[in-house]
PDB file of N, CA and C in Angstrom:
ATOM      1  N   MET A   1      16.035   4.790   0.636  1.00  0.00           N
ATOM      2  CA  MET A   1      15.899   3.511  -0.016  1.00  0.00           C
ATOM      3  C   MET A   1      14.485   3.364  -0.565  1.00  0.00           C
ATOM      4  N   TYR A   2      14.356   2.539  -1.560  1.00  0.00           N
ATOM      5  CA  TYR A   2      13.066   2.262  -2.169  1.00  0.00           C
ATOM      6  C   TYR A   2      12.622   0.846  -1.836  1.00  0.00           C
ATOM      7  N   ILE A   3      11.318   0.669  -1.732  1.00  0.00           N
ATOM      8  CA  ILE A   3      10.761  -0.658  -1.514  1.00  0.00           C
ATOM      9  C   ILE A   3       9.934  -1.011  -2.751  1.00  0.00           C
ATOM     10  N   TYR A   4      10.143  -2.214  -3.246  1.00  0.00           N
ATOM     11  CA  TYR A   4       9.428  -2.711  -4.417  1.00  0.00           C
ATOM     12  C   TYR A   4       8.056  -3.201  -3.991  1.00  0.00           C
ATOM     13  N   LEU A   5       7.005  -2.693  -4.640  1.00  0.00           N
ATOM     14  CA  LEU A   5       5.639  -3.042  -4.273  1.00  0.00           C
ATOM     15  C   LEU A   5       4.992  -4.036  -5.233  1.00  0.00           C
ATOM     16  N   GLY A   6       5.636  -4.297  -6.342  1.00  0.00           N
ATOM     17  CA  GLY A   6       5.081  -5.202  -7.341  1.00  0.00           C
ATOM     18  C   GLY A   6       4.809  -4.445  -8.624  1.00  0.00           C
ATOM     19  N   GLY A   7       4.628  -5.197  -9.700  1.00  0.00           N
ATOM     20  CA  GLY A   7       4.398  -4.569 -10.997  1.00  0.00           C
ATOM     21  C   GLY A   7       5.547  -3.637 -11.331  1.00  0.00           C
ATOM     22  N   ASP A   8       5.237  -2.400 -11.635  1.00  0.00           N
ATOM     23  CA  ASP A   8       6.278  -1.411 -11.919  1.00  0.00           C
ATOM     24  C   ASP A   8       6.321  -0.326 -10.845  1.00  0.00           C
ATOM     25  N   ALA A   9       5.875  -0.676  -9.642  1.00  0.00           N
ATOM     26  CA  ALA A   9       5.793   0.311  -8.559  1.00  0.00           C
ATOM     27  C   ALA A   9       6.862   0.103  -7.496  1.00  0.00           C
ATOM     28  N   ALA A  10       7.502   1.187  -7.166  1.00  0.00           N
ATOM     29  CA  ALA A  10       8.450   1.233  -6.048  1.00  0.00           C
ATOM     30  C   ALA A  10       8.243   2.580  -5.368  1.00  0.00           C
ATOM     31  N   VAL A  11       8.399   2.593  -4.064  1.00  0.00           N
ATOM     32  CA  VAL A  11       8.154   3.812  -3.289  1.00  0.00           C
ATOM     33  C   VAL A  11       9.307   4.012  -2.321  1.00  0.00           C
ATOM     34  N   GLU A  12       9.684   5.254  -2.124  1.00  0.00           N
ATOM     35  CA  GLU A  12      10.715   5.562  -1.141  1.00  0.00           C
ATOM     36  C   GLU A  12      10.164   5.226   0.246  1.00  0.00           C
ATOM     37  N   ASP A  13      10.948   4.490   1.026  1.00  0.00           N
ATOM     38  CA  ASP A  13      10.460   4.013   2.332  1.00  0.00           C
ATOM     39  C   ASP A  13      10.065   5.151   3.268  1.00  0.00           C
ATOM     40  N   SER A  14      10.679   6.296   3.145  1.00  0.00           N
ATOM     41  CA  SER A  14      10.336   7.428   4.019  1.00  0.00           C
ATOM     42  C   SER A  14       8.963   8.016   3.689  1.00  0.00           C
ATOM     43  N   ARG A  15       8.409   7.692   2.530  1.00  0.00           N
ATOM     44  CA  ARG A  15       7.085   8.184   2.128  1.00  0.00           C
ATOM     45  C   ARG A  15       5.954   7.286   2.613  1.00  0.00           C
ATOM     46  N   ILE A  16       6.273   6.099   3.132  1.00  0.00           N
ATOM     47  CA  ILE A  16       5.247   5.152   3.542  1.00  0.00           C
ATOM     48  C   ILE A  16       4.720   5.515   4.927  1.00  0.00           C
ATOM     49  N   VAL A  17       3.400   5.727   5.003  1.00  0.00           N
ATOM     50  CA  VAL A  17       2.738   6.003   6.266  1.00  0.00           C
ATOM     51  C   VAL A  17       2.324   4.697   6.914  1.00  0.00           C
ATOM     52  N   GLY A  18       1.797   3.772   6.101  1.00  0.00           N
ATOM     53  CA  GLY A  18       1.350   2.501   6.656  1.00  0.00           C
ATOM     54  C   GLY A  18       1.066   1.462   5.597  1.00  0.00           C
ATOM     55  N   LEU A  19       1.093   0.202   6.046  1.00  0.00           N
ATOM     56  CA  LEU A  19       0.756  -0.957   5.219  1.00  0.00           C
ATOM     57  C   LEU A  19      -0.505  -1.559   5.818  1.00  0.00           C
ATOM     58  N   PHE A  20      -1.527  -1.766   4.996  1.00  0.00           N
ATOM     59  CA  PHE A  20      -2.813  -2.207   5.512  1.00  0.00           C
ATOM     60  C   PHE A  20      -3.337  -3.406   4.736  1.00  0.00           C
ATOM     61  N   ASP A  21      -3.740  -4.430   5.451  1.00  0.00           N
ATOM     62  CA  ASP A  21      -4.317  -5.629   4.858  1.00  0.00           C
ATOM     63  C   ASP A  21      -5.750  -5.318   4.428  1.00  0.00           C
ATOM     64  N   LEU A  22      -6.054  -5.516   3.168  1.00  0.00           N
ATOM     65  CA  LEU A  22      -7.385  -5.184   2.659  1.00  0.00           C
ATOM     66  C   LEU A  22      -8.484  -6.044   3.264  1.00  0.00           C
ATOM     67  N   ASP A  23      -8.208  -7.332   3.517  1.00  0.00           N
ATOM     68  CA  ASP A  23      -9.223  -8.200   4.109  1.00  0.00           C
ATOM     69  C   ASP A  23      -9.637  -7.719   5.495  1.00  0.00           C
ATOM     70  N   ASN A  24      -8.679  -7.325   6.294  1.00  0.00           N
ATOM     71  CA  ASN A  24      -8.971  -6.895   7.665  1.00  0.00           C
ATOM     72  C   ASN A  24      -9.522  -5.474   7.741  1.00  0.00           C
ATOM     73  N   THR A  25      -8.962  -4.565   6.978  1.00  0.00           N
ATOM     74  CA  THR A  25      -9.349  -3.162   7.111  1.00  0.00           C
ATOM     75  C   THR A  25     -10.619  -2.812   6.358  1.00  0.00           C
ATOM     76  N   SER A  26     -10.980  -3.575   5.344  1.00  0.00           N
ATOM     77  CA  SER A  26     -12.160  -3.221   4.550  1.00  0.00           C
ATOM     78  C   SER A  26     -13.472  -3.495   5.290  1.00  0.00           C
ATOM     79  N   TRP A  27     -13.407  -4.111   6.447  1.00  0.00           N
ATOM     80  CA  TRP A  27     -14.614  -4.298   7.265  1.00  0.00           C
ATOM     81  C   TRP A  27     -15.109  -2.969   7.814  1.00  0.00           C
ATOM     82  N   SER A  28     -14.205  -2.065   8.047  1.00  0.00           N
ATOM     83  CA  SER A  28     -14.560  -0.774   8.633  1.00  0.00           C
ATOM     84  C   SER A  28     -15.193   0.149   7.586  1.00  0.00           C
ATOM     85  N   HIS A  29     -16.304   0.758   7.942  1.00  0.00           N
ATOM     86  CA  HIS A  29     -16.943   1.694   7.024  1.00  0.00           C
ATOM     87  C   HIS A  29     -16.068   2.936   6.813  1.00  0.00           C
ATOM     88  N   LEU A  30     -15.251   3.267   7.798  1.00  0.00           N
ATOM     89  CA  LEU A  30     -14.356   4.421   7.665  1.00  0.00           C
ATOM     90  C   LEU A  30     -13.273   4.160   6.617  1.00  0.00           C
ATOM     91  N   THR A  31     -12.734   2.943   6.614  1.00  0.00           N
ATOM     92  CA  THR A  31     -11.716   2.592   5.624  1.00  0.00           C
ATOM     93  C   THR A  31     -12.331   2.578   4.230  1.00  0.00           C
ATOM     94  N   ARG A  32     -13.508   1.985   4.104  1.00  0.00           N
ATOM     95  CA  ARG A  32     -14.182   1.958   2.801  1.00  0.00           C
ATOM     96  C   ARG A  32     -14.466   3.372   2.306  1.00  0.00           C
ATOM     97  N   LYS A  33     -14.884   4.245   3.211  1.00  0.00           N
ATOM     98  CA  LYS A  33     -15.155   5.635   2.866  1.00  0.00           C
ATOM     99  C   LYS A  33     -13.866   6.338   2.417  1.00  0.00           C
ATOM    100  N   PHE A  34     -12.767   6.110   3.150  1.00  0.00           N
ATOM    101  CA  PHE A  34     -11.477   6.694   2.793  1.00  0.00           C
ATOM    102  C   PHE A  34     -11.024   6.224   1.414  1.00  0.00           C
ATOM    103  N   LEU A  35     -11.118   4.908   1.168  1.00  0.00           N
ATOM    104  CA  LEU A  35     -10.675   4.365  -0.126  1.00  0.00           C
ATOM    105  C   LEU A  35     -11.561   4.862  -1.266  1.00  0.00           C
ATOM    106  N   SER A  36     -12.837   4.986  -1.027  1.00  0.00           N
ATOM    107  CA  SER A  36     -13.753   5.515  -2.054  1.00  0.00           C
ATOM    108  C   SER A  36     -13.404   6.960  -2.403  1.00  0.00           C
ATOM    109  N   ARG A  37     -13.142   7.765  -1.371  1.00  0.00           N
ATOM    110  CA  ARG A  37     -12.769   9.163  -1.609  1.00  0.00           C
ATOM    111  C   ARG A  37     -11.454   9.257  -2.382  1.00  0.00           C
ATOM    112  N   ALA A  38     -10.480   8.433  -1.978  1.00  0.00           N
ATOM    113  CA  ALA A  38      -9.193   8.429  -2.667  1.00  0.00           C
ATOM    114  C   ALA A  38      -9.362   8.017  -4.129  1.00  0.00           C
ATOM    115  N   GLN A  39     -10.234   7.058  -4.388  1.00  0.00           N
ATOM    116  CA  GLN A  39     -10.510   6.610  -5.758  1.00  0.00           C
ATOM    117  C   GLN A  39     -11.130   7.751  -6.573  1.00  0.00           C
ATOM    118  N   ARG A  40     -12.116   8.428  -6.010  1.00  0.00           N
ATOM    119  CA  ARG A  40     -12.768   9.552  -6.702  1.00  0.00           C
ATOM    120  C   ARG A  40     -11.783  10.673  -7.020  1.00  0.00           C
ATOM    121  N   GLU A  41     -10.828  10.896  -6.107  1.00  0.00           N
ATOM    122  CA  GLU A  41      -9.857  11.981  -6.295  1.00  0.00           C
ATOM    123  C   GLU A  41      -8.661  11.562  -7.144  1.00  0.00           C
ATOM    124  N   GLY A  42      -8.658  10.317  -7.607  1.00  0.00           N
ATOM    125  CA  GLY A  42      -7.576   9.847  -8.482  1.00  0.00           C
ATOM    126  C   GLY A  42      -6.286   9.556  -7.751  1.00  0.00           C
ATOM    127  N   LEU A  43      -6.368   9.257  -6.465  1.00  0.00           N
ATOM    128  CA  LEU A  43      -5.172   9.012  -5.663  1.00  0.00           C
ATOM    129  C   LEU A  43      -4.832   7.526  -5.534  1.00  0.00           C
ATOM    130  N   VAL A  44      -5.668   6.659  -6.097  1.00  0.00           N
ATOM    131  CA  VAL A  44      -5.437   5.218  -5.987  1.00  0.00           C
ATOM    132  C   VAL A  44      -4.715   4.724  -7.234  1.00  0.00           C
ATOM    133  N   LYS A  45      -3.607   4.015  -7.003  1.00  0.00           N
ATOM    134  CA  LYS A  45      -2.831   3.419  -8.089  1.00  0.00           C
ATOM    135  C   LYS A  45      -2.721   1.931  -7.815  1.00  0.00           C
ATOM    136  N   SER A  46      -2.755   1.148  -8.857  1.00  0.00           N
ATOM    137  CA  SER A  46      -2.671  -0.298  -8.681  1.00  0.00           C
ATOM    138  C   SER A  46      -1.331  -0.823  -9.173  1.00  0.00           C
ATOM    139  N   ALA A  47      -0.669  -1.605  -8.315  1.00  0.00           N
ATOM    140  CA  ALA A  47       0.561  -2.292  -8.681  1.00  0.00           C
ATOM    141  C   ALA A  47       0.314  -3.790  -8.664  1.00  0.00           C
ATOM    142  N   ALA A  48      -0.955  -4.179  -8.581  1.00  0.00           N
ATOM    143  CA  ALA A  48      -1.325  -5.593  -8.489  1.00  0.00           C
ATOM    144  C   ALA A  48      -1.775  -6.089  -9.854  1.00  0.00           C
ATOM    145  N   GLU A  49      -1.279  -7.247 -10.234  1.00  0.00           N
ATOM    146  CA  GLU A  49      -1.710  -7.864 -11.483  1.00  0.00           C
ATOM    147  C   GLU A  49      -2.972  -8.686 -11.268  1.00  0.00           C
ATOM    148  N   ASP A  50      -3.235  -9.075 -10.033  1.00  0.00           N
ATOM    149  CA  ASP A  50      -4.398  -9.865  -9.677  1.00  0.00           C
ATOM    150  C   ASP A  50      -5.130  -9.126  -8.561  1.00  0.00           C
ATOM    151  N   ILE A  51      -5.917  -9.826  -7.787  1.00  0.00           N
ATOM    152  CA  ILE A  51      -6.650  -9.206  -6.684  1.00  0.00           C
ATOM    153  C   ILE A  51      -5.663  -8.682  -5.640  1.00  0.00           C
ATOM    154  N   PRO A  52      -5.734  -7.394  -5.297  1.00  0.00           N
ATOM    155  CA  PRO A  52      -4.796  -6.836  -4.314  1.00  0.00           C
ATOM    156  C   PRO A  52      -5.065  -7.364  -2.908  1.00  0.00           C
ATOM    157  N   ARG A  53      -3.996  -7.518  -2.146  1.00  0.00           N
ATOM    158  CA  ARG A  53      -4.100  -7.992  -0.757  1.00  0.00           C
ATOM    159  C   ARG A  53      -3.790  -6.889   0.239  1.00  0.00           C
ATOM    160  N   THR A  54      -3.080  -5.870  -0.212  1.00  0.00           N
ATOM    161  CA  THR A  54      -2.581  -4.826   0.677  1.00  0.00           C
ATOM    162  C   THR A  54      -2.758  -3.462   0.026  1.00  0.00           C
ATOM    163  N   PHE A  55      -2.977  -2.444   0.859  1.00  0.00           N
ATOM    164  CA  PHE A  55      -2.834  -1.098   0.319  1.00  0.00           C
ATOM    165  C   PHE A  55      -1.796  -0.355   1.141  1.00  0.00           C
ATOM    166  N   VAL A  56      -1.018   0.445   0.436  1.00  0.00           N
ATOM    167  CA  VAL A  56       0.068   1.223   1.028  1.00  0.00           C
ATOM    168  C   VAL A  56      -0.356   2.686   0.981  1.00  0.00           C
ATOM    169  N   LEU A  57      -0.361   3.326   2.139  1.00  0.00           N
ATOM    170  CA  LEU A  57      -0.700   4.738   2.218  1.00  0.00           C
ATOM    171  C   LEU A  57       0.598   5.538   2.280  1.00  0.00           C
ATOM    172  N   CYS A  58       0.703   6.535   1.402  1.00  0.00           N
ATOM    173  CA  CYS A  58       1.917   7.355   1.335  1.00  0.00           C
ATOM    174  C   CYS A  58       1.645   8.749   1.898  1.00  0.00           C
ATOM    175  N   THR A  59       2.702   9.477   2.173  1.00  0.00           N
ATOM    176  CA  THR A  59       2.594  10.797   2.800  1.00  0.00           C
ATOM    177  C   THR A  59       1.812  11.790   1.951  1.00  0.00           C
ATOM    178  N   ASP A  60       1.794  11.628   0.635  1.00  0.00           N
ATOM    179  CA  ASP A  60       1.038  12.528  -0.237  1.00  0.00           C
ATOM    180  C   ASP A  60      -0.406  12.063  -0.426  1.00  0.00           C
ATOM    181  N   GLN A  61      -0.861  11.160   0.441  1.00  0.00           N
ATOM    182  CA  GLN A  61      -2.197  10.571   0.458  1.00  0.00           C
ATOM    183  C   GLN A  61      -2.460   9.638  -0.721  1.00  0.00           C
ATOM    184  N   THR A  62      -1.434   9.286  -1.461  1.00  0.00           N
ATOM    185  CA  THR A  62      -1.567   8.298  -2.524  1.00  0.00           C
ATOM    186  C   THR A  62      -1.772   6.932  -1.890  1.00  0.00           C
ATOM    187  N   VAL A  63      -2.660   6.145  -2.488  1.00  0.00           N
ATOM    188  CA  VAL A  63      -2.933   4.784  -2.037  1.00  0.00           C
ATOM    189  C   VAL A  63      -2.496   3.855  -3.158  1.00  0.00           C
ATOM    190  N   ILE A  64      -1.610   2.918  -2.838  1.00  0.00           N
ATOM    191  CA  ILE A  64      -1.125   1.971  -3.835  1.00  0.00           C
ATOM    192  C   ILE A  64      -1.611   0.582  -3.454  1.00  0.00           C
ATOM    193  N   LEU A  65      -2.362  -0.051  -4.351  1.00  0.00           N
ATOM    194  CA  LEU A  65      -2.854  -1.404  -4.138  1.00  0.00           C
ATOM    195  C   LEU A  65      -1.796  -2.386  -4.613  1.00  0.00           C
ATOM    196  N   THR A  66      -1.458  -3.362  -3.773  1.00  0.00           N
ATOM    197  CA  THR A  66      -0.381  -4.291  -4.100  1.00  0.00           C
ATOM    198  C   THR A  66      -0.794  -5.739  -3.867  1.00  0.00           C
ATOM    199  N   GLN A  67      -0.066  -6.629  -4.511  1.00  0.00           N
ATOM    200  CA  GLN A  67      -0.288  -8.064  -4.381  1.00  0.00           C
ATOM    201  C   GLN A  67       0.380  -8.664  -3.138  1.00  0.00           C
ATOM    202  N   PRO A  68       1.622  -8.277  -2.821  1.00  0.00           N
ATOM    203  CA  PRO A  68       2.275  -8.889  -1.646  1.00  0.00           C
ATOM    204  C   PRO A  68       1.515  -8.585  -0.351  1.00  0.00           C
ATOM    205  N   SER A  69       1.613  -9.503   0.593  1.00  0.00           N
ATOM    206  CA  SER A  69       0.951  -9.319   1.886  1.00  0.00           C
ATOM    207  C   SER A  69       1.646  -8.228   2.692  1.00  0.00           C
ATOM    208  N   THR A  70       0.967  -7.762   3.729  1.00  0.00           N
ATOM    209  CA  THR A  70       1.571  -6.758   4.606  1.00  0.00           C
ATOM    210  C   THR A  70       2.819  -7.324   5.280  1.00  0.00           C
ATOM    211  N   ALA A  71       2.791  -8.604   5.621  1.00  0.00           N
ATOM    212  CA  ALA A  71       3.948  -9.234   6.265  1.00  0.00           C
ATOM    213  C   ALA A  71       5.155  -9.238   5.329  1.00  0.00           C
ATOM    214  N   ALA A  72       4.935  -9.553   4.066  1.00  0.00           N
ATOM    215  CA  ALA A  72       6.041  -9.581   3.098  1.00  0.00           C
ATOM    216  C   ALA A  72       6.621  -8.181   2.902  1.00  0.00           C
ATOM    217  N   LEU A  73       5.748  -7.183   2.809  1.00  0.00           N
ATOM    218  CA  LEU A  73       6.233  -5.807   2.647  1.00  0.00           C
ATOM    219  C   LEU A  73       6.952  -5.322   3.897  1.00  0.00           C
ATOM    220  N   ALA A  74       6.460  -5.707   5.070  1.00  0.00           N
ATOM    221  CA  ALA A  74       7.127  -5.332   6.327  1.00  0.00           C
ATOM    222  C   ALA A  74       8.522  -5.946   6.396  1.00  0.00           C
ATOM    223  N   ARG A  75       8.646  -7.198   5.955  1.00  0.00           N
ATOM    224  CA  ARG A  75       9.977  -7.840   5.929  1.00  0.00           C
ATOM    225  C   ARG A  75      10.916  -7.096   4.993  1.00  0.00           C
ATOM    226  N   ARG A  76      10.407  -6.651   3.847  1.00  0.00           N
ATOM    227  CA  ARG A  76      11.245  -5.880   2.913  1.00  0.00           C
ATOM    228  C   ARG A  76      11.721  -4.585   3.559  1.00  0.00           C
ATOM    229  N   LEU A  77      10.831  -3.923   4.282  1.00  0.00           N
ATOM    230  CA  LEU A  77      11.216  -2.680   4.969  1.00  0.00           C
ATOM    231  C   LEU A  77      12.272  -2.943   6.037  1.00  0.00           C
ATOM    232  N   GLU A  78      12.079  -4.009   6.826  1.00  0.00           N
ATOM    233  CA  GLU A  78      13.046  -4.354   7.868  1.00  0.00           C
ATOM    234  C   GLU A  78      14.401  -4.685   7.261  1.00  0.00           C
ATOM    235  N   TYR A  79      14.411  -5.413   6.157  1.00  0.00           N
ATOM    236  CA  TYR A  79      15.646  -5.782   5.493  1.00  0.00           C
ATOM    237  C   TYR A  79      16.371  -4.533   5.015  1.00  0.00           C
ATOM    238  N   GLN A  80      15.616  -3.592   4.453  1.00  0.00           N
ATOM    239  CA  GLN A  80      16.217  -2.345   3.950  1.00  0.00           C
ATOM    240  C   GLN A  80      16.837  -1.532   5.085  1.00  0.00           C
ATOM    241  N   GLU A  81      16.192  -1.562   6.263  1.00  0.00           N
ATOM    242  CA  GLU A  81      16.723  -0.820   7.399  1.00  0.00           C
ATOM    243  C   GLU A  81      18.040  -1.411   7.888  1.00  0.00           C
ATOM    244  N   ARG A  82      18.194  -2.731   7.762  1.00  0.00           N
ATOM    245  CA  ARG A  82      19.432  -3.390   8.219  1.00  0.00           C
ATOM    246  C   ARG A  82      20.603  -3.132   7.300  1.00  0.00           C
ATOM    247  N   ILE A  83      20.328  -2.789   6.057  1.00  0.00           N
ATOM    248  CA  ILE A  83      21.413  -2.583   5.075  1.00  0.00           C
ATOM    249  C   ILE A  83      22.139  -1.286   5.361  1.00  0.00           C
TER     250      ILE A  83
END
């Protein structure tokens, strides 16, 4: 199944490693370092039309910036599992 991340982005749920809130995780220097490296390597994609609230880490190390909150994306994943 695919989960809609916003904009024109959808990802297969089995490829999702984690959903991370940018406000909470960006405090860590390790997260900032990881996101900077991913940006330099061209692995960051944006599905947000405005300021992103969440980043989704995929198995291929792609980072997708999204507008929906981690809670909203988690609910979408749970709903997909019930179907």
